[in-house]
Amino acid sequence: ISLNFHSRALRGLLNGGSAILGYDKDPENPGKLVVNAKEAPGVRKVFSVYLETGSLQTTAIQLNGTSIRPKLGKGRKNRHAVEGRWTVGSVKNLLTNYAYIGKREVNKDHKNEPQETLKPWQRYQLVKASWPGIVEEKDFLAAQRLIQENWKKERSRMSQGDRRFFPLSGVIRCGD
């Protein structure tokens, strides 16, 4: 079964899950996505707002003031998604999803592991998807660079900050 999933993924097909914002499942082949013409401009707007603001938080705030809403997949129970609100996490998930440039990540969970220690069907790969992209690759890559730069700046700021010691951490608990 896992080798079949791997084979489908290498061909750029889906192995289940809900459609993402900007796409719908192909009714004739549920392993493929088709562009949703009403949602696709909203996805491009998310990228342009992020590239303009440079902040996930500011992007989420601005998107919440628009008619663009995160796509609610079947079985989603997250209250922010149910209420149609953007969060830092939902914005980042959209911005880092390679499906928007017509690519598919295979074995994403193993991305940061040493690839030479993994079996061939466990290795991370980026392959051409069976659906078209709806975001320009240059915009997608610019967003990835900006996310990475912001992450490095935050790590640097945190590592240079004062270390604090709280002697009662973990000892005293709130009654509520």
N, C-alpha and C. Protein backbone atom coordinates (compact mmCIF):
# COMPACT_ATOMS: atom_id res chain seq x y z
N ILE A 1 0.83 -1.19 0.00
CA ILE A 1 0.00 0.00 0.00
C ILE A 1 0.88 1.26 0.00
N SER A 2 1.89 1.27 0.86
CA SER A 2 2.74 2.46 0.92
C SER A 2 3.50 2.67 -0.39
N LEU A 3 3.91 1.60 -1.05
CA LEU A 3 4.60 1.75 -2.33
C LEU A 3 3.64 2.27 -3.41
N ASN A 4 2.37 1.88 -3.33
CA ASN A 4 1.38 2.39 -4.26
C ASN A 4 1.17 3.89 -4.04
N PHE A 5 1.06 4.31 -2.78
CA PHE A 5 0.94 5.74 -2.47
C PHE A 5 2.15 6.50 -2.98
N HIS A 6 3.33 5.92 -2.79
CA HIS A 6 4.56 6.57 -3.24
C HIS A 6 4.55 6.70 -4.77
N SER A 7 4.15 5.66 -5.47
CA SER A 7 4.10 5.68 -6.92
C SER A 7 3.13 6.76 -7.42
N ARG A 8 1.95 6.85 -6.78
CA ARG A 8 0.98 7.88 -7.16
C ARG A 8 1.55 9.27 -6.90
N ALA A 9 2.23 9.44 -5.78
CA ALA A 9 2.80 10.75 -5.44
C ALA A 9 3.87 11.14 -6.46
N LEU A 10 4.69 10.20 -6.89
CA LEU A 10 5.72 10.50 -7.89
C LEU A 10 5.12 10.91 -9.23
N ARG A 11 3.90 10.45 -9.49
CA ARG A 11 3.21 10.85 -10.73
C ARG A 11 2.46 12.17 -10.54
N GLY A 12 2.58 12.77 -9.34
CA GLY A 12 1.95 14.06 -9.08
C GLY A 12 0.50 13.98 -8.69
N LEU A 13 0.04 12.80 -8.27
CA LEU A 13 -1.36 12.62 -7.88
C LEU A 13 -1.53 12.76 -6.38
N LEU A 14 -2.74 13.09 -5.96
CA LEU A 14 -3.06 13.17 -4.54
C LEU A 14 -3.35 11.77 -3.99
N ASN A 15 -3.16 11.63 -2.70
CA ASN A 15 -3.50 10.38 -2.02
C ASN A 15 -4.58 10.63 -0.97
N GLY A 16 -5.54 11.45 -1.29
CA GLY A 16 -6.62 11.75 -0.35
C GLY A 16 -6.50 13.16 0.18
N GLY A 17 -7.36 13.48 1.13
CA GLY A 17 -7.37 14.80 1.72
C GLY A 17 -8.31 15.73 1.00
N SER A 18 -8.52 16.88 1.60
CA SER A 18 -9.43 17.88 1.05
C SER A 18 -8.71 18.76 0.03
N ALA A 19 -9.49 19.39 -0.81
CA ALA A 19 -8.94 20.36 -1.77
C ALA A 19 -8.51 21.61 -1.00
N ILE A 20 -7.52 22.30 -1.53
CA ILE A 20 -7.00 23.51 -0.90
C ILE A 20 -7.61 24.73 -1.57
N LEU A 21 -7.48 25.88 -0.92
CA LEU A 21 -8.01 27.12 -1.46
C LEU A 21 -7.46 27.36 -2.86
N GLY A 22 -8.35 27.66 -3.79
CA GLY A 22 -7.94 27.90 -5.17
C GLY A 22 -8.13 26.70 -6.07
N TYR A 23 -8.40 25.55 -5.48
CA TYR A 23 -8.57 24.31 -6.24
C TYR A 23 -9.81 23.56 -5.75
N ASP A 24 -10.31 22.69 -6.62
CA ASP A 24 -11.34 21.72 -6.27
C ASP A 24 -10.84 20.36 -6.73
N LYS A 25 -11.39 19.30 -6.15
CA LYS A 25 -11.04 17.95 -6.62
C LYS A 25 -11.68 17.74 -7.98
N ASP A 26 -10.94 17.11 -8.85
CA ASP A 26 -11.46 16.77 -10.17
C ASP A 26 -12.54 15.70 -9.99
N PRO A 27 -13.78 15.96 -10.42
CA PRO A 27 -14.84 14.97 -10.21
C PRO A 27 -14.60 13.66 -10.96
N GLU A 28 -13.86 13.71 -12.05
CA GLU A 28 -13.60 12.50 -12.83
C GLU A 28 -12.37 11.74 -12.33
N ASN A 29 -11.46 12.45 -11.65
CA ASN A 29 -10.25 11.81 -11.13
C ASN A 29 -9.89 12.49 -9.82
N PRO A 30 -10.31 11.94 -8.68
CA PRO A 30 -10.07 12.59 -7.39
C PRO A 30 -8.59 12.70 -7.00
N GLY A 31 -7.71 12.13 -7.78
CA GLY A 31 -6.28 12.25 -7.53
C GLY A 31 -5.70 13.54 -8.11
N LYS A 32 -6.53 14.30 -8.81
CA LYS A 32 -6.09 15.55 -9.42
C LYS A 32 -6.90 16.71 -8.89
N LEU A 33 -6.32 17.89 -9.00
CA LEU A 33 -7.01 19.12 -8.64
C LEU A 33 -7.30 19.92 -9.90
N VAL A 34 -8.39 20.65 -9.88
CA VAL A 34 -8.70 21.58 -10.97
C VAL A 34 -8.81 22.97 -10.36
N VAL A 35 -8.42 23.96 -11.12
CA VAL A 35 -8.42 25.33 -10.63
C VAL A 35 -9.85 25.80 -10.41
N ASN A 36 -10.09 26.40 -9.25
CA ASN A 36 -11.37 27.03 -8.94
C ASN A 36 -11.21 28.51 -9.32
N ALA A 37 -11.86 28.91 -10.40
CA ALA A 37 -11.69 30.25 -10.97
C ALA A 37 -12.10 31.36 -10.00
N LYS A 38 -13.02 31.08 -9.08
CA LYS A 38 -13.45 32.10 -8.11
C LYS A 38 -12.45 32.27 -6.98
N GLU A 39 -11.77 31.18 -6.58
CA GLU A 39 -10.85 31.24 -5.45
C GLU A 39 -9.41 31.56 -5.83
N ALA A 40 -9.00 31.25 -7.05
CA ALA A 40 -7.61 31.43 -7.48
C ALA A 40 -7.11 32.87 -7.33
N PRO A 41 -7.90 33.91 -7.69
CA PRO A 41 -7.42 35.28 -7.47
C PRO A 41 -7.16 35.58 -5.99
N GLY A 42 -7.93 34.96 -5.10
CA GLY A 42 -7.72 35.14 -3.67
C GLY A 42 -6.39 34.60 -3.22
N VAL A 43 -5.98 33.47 -3.78
CA VAL A 43 -4.68 32.88 -3.44
C VAL A 43 -3.56 33.82 -3.88
N ARG A 44 -3.66 34.33 -5.10
CA ARG A 44 -2.65 35.27 -5.60
C ARG A 44 -2.61 36.53 -4.72
N LYS A 45 -3.77 36.95 -4.23
CA LYS A 45 -3.85 38.13 -3.36
C LYS A 45 -3.12 37.85 -2.04
N VAL A 46 -3.25 36.64 -1.49
CA VAL A 46 -2.55 36.29 -0.24
C VAL A 46 -1.05 36.46 -0.44
N PHE A 47 -0.53 35.96 -1.56
CA PHE A 47 0.91 36.09 -1.84
C PHE A 47 1.30 37.56 -1.99
N SER A 48 0.50 38.34 -2.71
CA SER A 48 0.87 39.74 -2.92
C SER A 48 0.82 40.53 -1.62
N VAL A 49 -0.18 40.25 -0.77
CA VAL A 49 -0.26 40.95 0.52
C VAL A 49 0.95 40.59 1.38
N TYR A 50 1.32 39.31 1.42
CA TYR A 50 2.47 38.91 2.23
C TYR A 50 3.76 39.54 1.71
N LEU A 51 3.96 39.53 0.40
CA LEU A 51 5.18 40.11 -0.16
C LEU A 51 5.22 41.63 0.07
N GLU A 52 4.06 42.25 0.16
CA GLU A 52 3.99 43.68 0.42
C GLU A 52 4.25 43.99 1.90
N THR A 53 3.66 43.22 2.80
CA THR A 53 3.78 43.50 4.24
C THR A 53 5.02 42.87 4.86
N GLY A 54 5.40 41.68 4.38
CA GLY A 54 6.56 40.99 4.94
C GLY A 54 6.29 40.36 6.29
N SER A 55 5.02 40.27 6.68
CA SER A 55 4.67 39.75 8.00
C SER A 55 3.48 38.82 7.90
N LEU A 56 3.58 37.64 8.50
CA LEU A 56 2.47 36.70 8.51
C LEU A 56 1.30 37.26 9.31
N GLN A 57 1.60 37.87 10.46
CA GLN A 57 0.56 38.42 11.32
C GLN A 57 -0.19 39.56 10.61
N THR A 58 0.53 40.48 10.02
CA THR A 58 -0.10 41.60 9.32
C THR A 58 -0.91 41.09 8.13
N THR A 59 -0.40 40.09 7.44
CA THR A 59 -1.13 39.51 6.31
C THR A 59 -2.44 38.91 6.79
N ALA A 60 -2.40 38.16 7.89
CA ALA A 60 -3.62 37.55 8.43
C ALA A 60 -4.64 38.63 8.81
N ILE A 61 -4.18 39.69 9.44
CA ILE A 61 -5.09 40.78 9.84
C ILE A 61 -5.72 41.43 8.61
N GLN A 62 -4.89 41.70 7.59
CA GLN A 62 -5.43 42.32 6.37
C GLN A 62 -6.40 41.40 5.65
N LEU A 63 -6.10 40.10 5.61
CA LEU A 63 -6.99 39.16 4.92
C LEU A 63 -8.32 39.02 5.65
N ASN A 64 -8.31 39.14 6.97
CA ASN A 64 -9.55 39.05 7.72
C ASN A 64 -10.47 40.23 7.43
N GLY A 65 -9.93 41.31 6.89
CA GLY A 65 -10.72 42.46 6.50
C GLY A 65 -11.21 42.39 5.06
N THR A 66 -10.96 41.28 4.40
CA THR A 66 -11.39 41.11 3.00
C THR A 66 -12.44 40.00 2.91
N SER A 67 -12.88 39.74 1.71
CA SER A 67 -13.85 38.65 1.49
C SER A 67 -13.16 37.31 1.27
N ILE A 68 -11.82 37.28 1.25
CA ILE A 68 -11.08 36.04 1.04
C ILE A 68 -11.12 35.24 2.35
N ARG A 69 -11.57 34.02 2.28
CA ARG A 69 -11.68 33.16 3.46
C ARG A 69 -10.91 31.87 3.23
N PRO A 70 -10.33 31.30 4.29
CA PRO A 70 -9.68 29.99 4.15
C PRO A 70 -10.72 28.95 3.72
N LYS A 71 -10.27 27.95 2.98
CA LYS A 71 -11.20 26.92 2.51
C LYS A 71 -11.47 25.96 3.66
N LEU A 72 -12.72 25.66 3.85
CA LEU A 72 -13.13 24.77 4.92
C LEU A 72 -13.27 23.37 4.35
N GLY A 73 -12.30 22.50 4.70
CA GLY A 73 -12.34 21.12 4.23
C GLY A 73 -13.31 20.30 5.04
N LYS A 74 -13.66 19.14 4.52
CA LYS A 74 -14.57 18.24 5.22
C LYS A 74 -13.95 17.81 6.54
N GLY A 75 -14.73 17.87 7.59
CA GLY A 75 -14.27 17.41 8.88
C GLY A 75 -13.42 18.41 9.65
N ARG A 76 -13.20 19.60 9.10
CA ARG A 76 -12.40 20.60 9.82
C ARG A 76 -13.17 21.09 11.03
N LYS A 77 -12.53 21.08 12.18
CA LYS A 77 -13.20 21.51 13.40
C LYS A 77 -12.51 22.70 14.03
N ASN A 78 -11.40 23.14 13.45
CA ASN A 78 -10.68 24.29 13.98
C ASN A 78 -11.61 25.50 13.94
N ARG A 79 -11.79 26.15 15.08
CA ARG A 79 -12.78 27.23 15.14
C ARG A 79 -12.44 28.39 14.22
N HIS A 80 -11.15 28.66 14.03
CA HIS A 80 -10.77 29.76 13.14
C HIS A 80 -11.19 29.44 11.70
N ALA A 81 -10.96 28.21 11.29
CA ALA A 81 -11.34 27.80 9.94
C ALA A 81 -12.86 27.80 9.79
N VAL A 82 -13.56 27.29 10.79
CA VAL A 82 -15.02 27.25 10.74
C VAL A 82 -15.59 28.66 10.65
N GLU A 83 -14.98 29.60 11.39
CA GLU A 83 -15.44 30.99 11.38
C GLU A 83 -14.92 31.76 10.17
N GLY A 84 -14.04 31.14 9.37
CA GLY A 84 -13.52 31.80 8.18
C GLY A 84 -12.47 32.84 8.47
N ARG A 85 -11.72 32.65 9.57
CA ARG A 85 -10.68 33.63 9.95
C ARG A 85 -9.30 33.10 9.60
N TRP A 86 -8.46 34.03 9.18
CA TRP A 86 -7.06 33.72 8.90
C TRP A 86 -6.25 33.82 10.19
N THR A 87 -5.30 32.92 10.34
CA THR A 87 -4.35 32.96 11.45
C THR A 87 -2.95 32.96 10.86
N VAL A 88 -1.96 33.20 11.69
CA VAL A 88 -0.56 33.15 11.22
C VAL A 88 -0.28 31.77 10.63
N GLY A 89 -0.77 30.73 11.29
CA GLY A 89 -0.54 29.36 10.80
C GLY A 89 -1.21 29.09 9.47
N SER A 90 -2.44 29.54 9.30
CA SER A 90 -3.14 29.27 8.04
C SER A 90 -2.51 30.04 6.88
N VAL A 91 -2.04 31.26 7.16
CA VAL A 91 -1.35 32.04 6.12
C VAL A 91 -0.04 31.34 5.74
N LYS A 92 0.73 30.91 6.74
CA LYS A 92 2.01 30.25 6.46
C LYS A 92 1.80 28.94 5.71
N ASN A 93 0.78 28.16 6.10
CA ASN A 93 0.51 26.91 5.39
C ASN A 93 0.20 27.16 3.92
N LEU A 94 -0.57 28.19 3.63
CA LEU A 94 -0.89 28.50 2.25
C LEU A 94 0.37 28.94 1.50
N LEU A 95 1.15 29.83 2.11
CA LEU A 95 2.34 30.38 1.44
C LEU A 95 3.42 29.33 1.17
N THR A 96 3.47 28.28 1.96
CA THR A 96 4.54 27.28 1.81
C THR A 96 4.07 26.03 1.07
N ASN A 97 2.88 26.05 0.52
CA ASN A 97 2.34 24.88 -0.18
C ASN A 97 2.76 24.90 -1.65
N TYR A 98 3.61 23.94 -2.02
CA TYR A 98 4.13 23.87 -3.39
C TYR A 98 3.04 23.59 -4.43
N ALA A 99 1.88 23.14 -4.01
CA ALA A 99 0.79 22.87 -4.96
C ALA A 99 0.43 24.12 -5.73
N TYR A 100 0.66 25.28 -5.14
CA TYR A 100 0.29 26.54 -5.80
C TYR A 100 1.18 26.88 -6.98
N ILE A 101 2.30 26.19 -7.14
CA ILE A 101 3.12 26.39 -8.34
C ILE A 101 3.14 25.12 -9.20
N GLY A 102 2.18 24.23 -8.93
CA GLY A 102 2.05 23.01 -9.74
C GLY A 102 3.08 21.96 -9.42
N LYS A 103 3.50 21.90 -8.15
CA LYS A 103 4.46 20.87 -7.73
C LYS A 103 3.90 20.11 -6.55
N ARG A 104 4.45 18.93 -6.32
CA ARG A 104 3.98 18.05 -5.25
C ARG A 104 5.16 17.60 -4.43
N GLU A 105 5.06 17.76 -3.11
CA GLU A 105 6.11 17.28 -2.21
C GLU A 105 5.82 15.82 -1.86
N VAL A 106 6.82 14.98 -2.04
CA VAL A 106 6.70 13.56 -1.71
C VAL A 106 7.51 13.32 -0.45
N ASN A 107 6.92 12.67 0.53
CA ASN A 107 7.57 12.37 1.82
C ASN A 107 8.03 13.64 2.53
N LYS A 108 7.14 14.59 2.62
CA LYS A 108 7.45 15.88 3.25
C LYS A 108 7.93 15.71 4.70
N ASP A 109 7.41 14.69 5.38
CA ASP A 109 7.81 14.45 6.78
C ASP A 109 9.29 14.14 6.92
N HIS A 110 9.91 13.63 5.86
CA HIS A 110 11.33 13.26 5.90
C HIS A 110 12.24 14.33 5.29
N LYS A 111 11.70 15.52 5.06
CA LYS A 111 12.43 16.57 4.36
C LYS A 111 13.74 16.94 5.05
N ASN A 112 13.73 17.02 6.38
CA ASN A 112 14.91 17.48 7.12
C ASN A 112 15.79 16.35 7.66
N GLU A 113 15.51 15.14 7.24
CA GLU A 113 16.33 14.01 7.66
C GLU A 113 17.44 13.78 6.63
N PRO A 114 18.54 13.15 7.07
CA PRO A 114 19.60 12.82 6.09
C PRO A 114 19.06 11.82 5.07
N GLN A 115 18.97 12.24 3.83
CA GLN A 115 18.33 11.43 2.79
C GLN A 115 19.05 10.12 2.50
N GLU A 116 20.36 10.11 2.66
CA GLU A 116 21.11 8.90 2.35
C GLU A 116 20.82 7.76 3.33
N THR A 117 20.25 8.06 4.49
CA THR A 117 19.93 7.01 5.47
C THR A 117 18.53 6.44 5.25
N LEU A 118 17.75 7.04 4.36
CA LEU A 118 16.37 6.60 4.13
C LEU A 118 16.30 5.63 2.95
N LYS A 119 15.27 4.81 2.98
CA LYS A 119 15.02 3.91 1.85
C LYS A 119 14.54 4.76 0.67
N PRO A 120 14.72 4.28 -0.55
CA PRO A 120 14.36 5.09 -1.72
C PRO A 120 12.92 5.61 -1.70
N TRP A 121 11.98 4.82 -1.23
CA TRP A 121 10.58 5.26 -1.22
C TRP A 121 10.24 6.15 -0.03
N GLN A 122 11.23 6.41 0.83
CA GLN A 122 11.02 7.30 1.97
C GLN A 122 11.66 8.67 1.77
N ARG A 123 12.43 8.83 0.71
CA ARG A 123 13.17 10.07 0.50
C ARG A 123 12.27 11.21 0.03
N TYR A 124 12.63 12.39 0.48
CA TYR A 124 11.90 13.60 0.09
C TYR A 124 12.19 13.93 -1.37
N GLN A 125 11.14 14.28 -2.10
CA GLN A 125 11.29 14.70 -3.49
C GLN A 125 10.26 15.78 -3.79
N LEU A 126 10.58 16.62 -4.74
CA LEU A 126 9.65 17.62 -5.25
C LEU A 126 9.43 17.28 -6.72
N VAL A 127 8.17 16.91 -7.06
CA VAL A 127 7.86 16.47 -8.42
C VAL A 127 6.80 17.37 -9.03
N LYS A 128 6.67 17.28 -10.35
CA LYS A 128 5.64 18.05 -11.06
C LYS A 128 4.28 17.44 -10.71
N ALA A 129 3.34 18.31 -10.34
CA ALA A 129 2.00 17.85 -9.97
C ALA A 129 1.16 17.63 -11.23
N SER A 130 0.04 16.95 -11.04
CA SER A 130 -0.87 16.67 -12.16
C SER A 130 -1.87 17.79 -12.37
N TRP A 131 -1.66 18.93 -11.72
CA TRP A 131 -2.53 20.09 -11.87
C TRP A 131 -1.67 21.32 -12.16
N PRO A 132 -2.25 22.35 -12.74
CA PRO A 132 -1.48 23.55 -13.05
C PRO A 132 -1.30 24.44 -11.82
N GLY A 133 -0.25 25.21 -11.80
CA GLY A 133 -0.03 26.16 -10.73
C GLY A 133 -0.90 27.40 -10.94
N ILE A 134 -1.18 28.12 -9.85
CA ILE A 134 -1.97 29.35 -9.98
C ILE A 134 -1.20 30.57 -9.48
N VAL A 135 0.03 30.34 -9.01
CA VAL A 135 0.88 31.42 -8.53
C VAL A 135 2.18 31.38 -9.34
N GLU A 136 2.69 32.55 -9.69
CA GLU A 136 3.97 32.62 -10.39
C GLU A 136 5.07 32.04 -9.49
N GLU A 137 5.96 31.27 -10.08
CA GLU A 137 7.02 30.64 -9.30
C GLU A 137 7.93 31.69 -8.65
N LYS A 138 8.17 32.80 -9.31
CA LYS A 138 9.03 33.84 -8.73
C LYS A 138 8.39 34.43 -7.47
N ASP A 139 7.07 34.60 -7.47
CA ASP A 139 6.38 35.10 -6.28
C ASP A 139 6.43 34.07 -5.15
N PHE A 140 6.23 32.81 -5.51
CA PHE A 140 6.29 31.74 -4.51
C PHE A 140 7.67 31.68 -3.86
N LEU A 141 8.71 31.71 -4.68
CA LEU A 141 10.08 31.64 -4.16
C LEU A 141 10.44 32.88 -3.35
N ALA A 142 9.94 34.04 -3.76
CA ALA A 142 10.18 35.27 -2.98
C ALA A 142 9.54 35.15 -1.61
N ALA A 143 8.34 34.58 -1.55
CA ALA A 143 7.67 34.39 -0.26
C ALA A 143 8.45 33.40 0.61
N GLN A 144 9.01 32.35 0.01
CA GLN A 144 9.79 31.37 0.78
C GLN A 144 11.04 32.02 1.38
N ARG A 145 11.71 32.85 0.57
CA ARG A 145 12.90 33.55 1.07
C ARG A 145 12.55 34.48 2.23
N LEU A 146 11.46 35.20 2.09
CA LEU A 146 11.04 36.14 3.13
C LEU A 146 10.65 35.41 4.42
N ILE A 147 9.95 34.29 4.29
CA ILE A 147 9.60 33.48 5.47
C ILE A 147 10.87 33.01 6.16
N GLN A 148 11.84 32.53 5.39
CA GLN A 148 13.10 32.03 5.96
C GLN A 148 13.89 33.16 6.63
N GLU A 149 13.96 34.32 5.98
CA GLU A 149 14.67 35.47 6.57
C GLU A 149 14.03 35.89 7.89
N ASN A 150 12.70 35.97 7.91
CA ASN A 150 12.00 36.35 9.13
C ASN A 150 12.23 35.34 10.25
N TRP A 151 12.27 34.06 9.89
CA TRP A 151 12.51 33.00 10.88
C TRP A 151 13.92 33.16 11.47
N LYS A 152 14.91 33.42 10.61
CA LYS A 152 16.28 33.59 11.09
C LYS A 152 16.41 34.82 11.99
N LYS A 153 15.75 35.91 11.61
CA LYS A 153 15.78 37.12 12.43
C LYS A 153 15.17 36.86 13.80
N GLU A 154 14.08 36.15 13.84
CA GLU A 154 13.41 35.86 15.11
C GLU A 154 14.29 34.96 15.98
N ARG A 155 14.91 33.95 15.38
CA ARG A 155 15.81 33.06 16.14
C ARG A 155 16.98 33.85 16.69
N SER A 156 17.52 34.74 15.89
CA SER A 156 18.65 35.56 16.31
C SER A 156 18.25 36.47 17.47
N ARG A 157 17.09 37.09 17.35
CA ARG A 157 16.60 37.97 18.41
C ARG A 157 16.39 37.18 19.70
N MET A 158 15.83 36.00 19.59
CA MET A 158 15.57 35.17 20.78
C MET A 158 16.88 34.72 21.43
N SER A 159 17.87 34.36 20.62
CA SER A 159 19.13 33.86 21.18
C SER A 159 19.95 34.98 21.84
N GLN A 160 19.74 36.23 21.40
CA GLN A 160 20.48 37.35 21.97
C GLN A 160 19.77 37.98 23.16
N GLY A 161 18.53 37.55 23.40
CA GLY A 161 17.75 38.11 24.50
C GLY A 161 18.25 37.63 25.85
N ASP A 162 17.82 38.31 26.91
CA ASP A 162 18.19 37.92 28.27
C ASP A 162 17.56 36.59 28.62
N ARG A 163 18.37 35.76 29.26
CA ARG A 163 17.86 34.49 29.77
C ARG A 163 17.29 34.78 31.15
N ARG A 164 16.11 34.28 31.37
CA ARG A 164 15.47 34.52 32.65
C ARG A 164 15.25 33.20 33.36
N PHE A 165 15.37 33.24 34.66
CA PHE A 165 15.16 32.05 35.47
C PHE A 165 13.95 32.28 36.35
N PHE A 166 12.99 31.40 36.26
CA PHE A 166 11.79 31.49 37.07
C PHE A 166 11.76 30.28 38.00
N PRO A 167 12.11 30.47 39.27
CA PRO A 167 12.28 29.33 40.18
C PRO A 167 11.00 28.53 40.42
N LEU A 168 9.83 29.09 40.24
CA LEU A 168 8.61 28.35 40.51
C LEU A 168 7.92 27.83 39.25
N SER A 169 8.62 27.90 38.10
CA SER A 169 8.05 27.38 36.86
C SER A 169 7.78 25.89 37.01
N GLY A 170 6.58 25.50 36.69
CA GLY A 170 6.21 24.09 36.75
C GLY A 170 5.82 23.62 38.12
N VAL A 171 6.02 24.46 39.15
CA VAL A 171 5.70 24.07 40.51
C VAL A 171 4.30 24.58 40.88
N ILE A 172 4.07 25.86 40.62
CA ILE A 172 2.79 26.47 40.93
C ILE A 172 1.89 26.37 39.71
N ARG A 173 0.66 25.94 39.91
CA ARG A 173 -0.28 25.80 38.82
C ARG A 173 -1.51 26.67 39.10
N CYS A 174 -2.07 27.18 38.04
CA CYS A 174 -3.27 28.00 38.13
C CYS A 174 -4.46 27.11 38.53
N GLY A 175 -5.28 27.57 39.42
CA GLY A 175 -6.43 26.80 39.86
C GLY A 175 -7.48 26.64 38.78
N ASP A 176 -7.50 27.53 37.82
CA ASP A 176 -8.48 27.42 36.74
C ASP A 176 -8.02 26.40 35.73
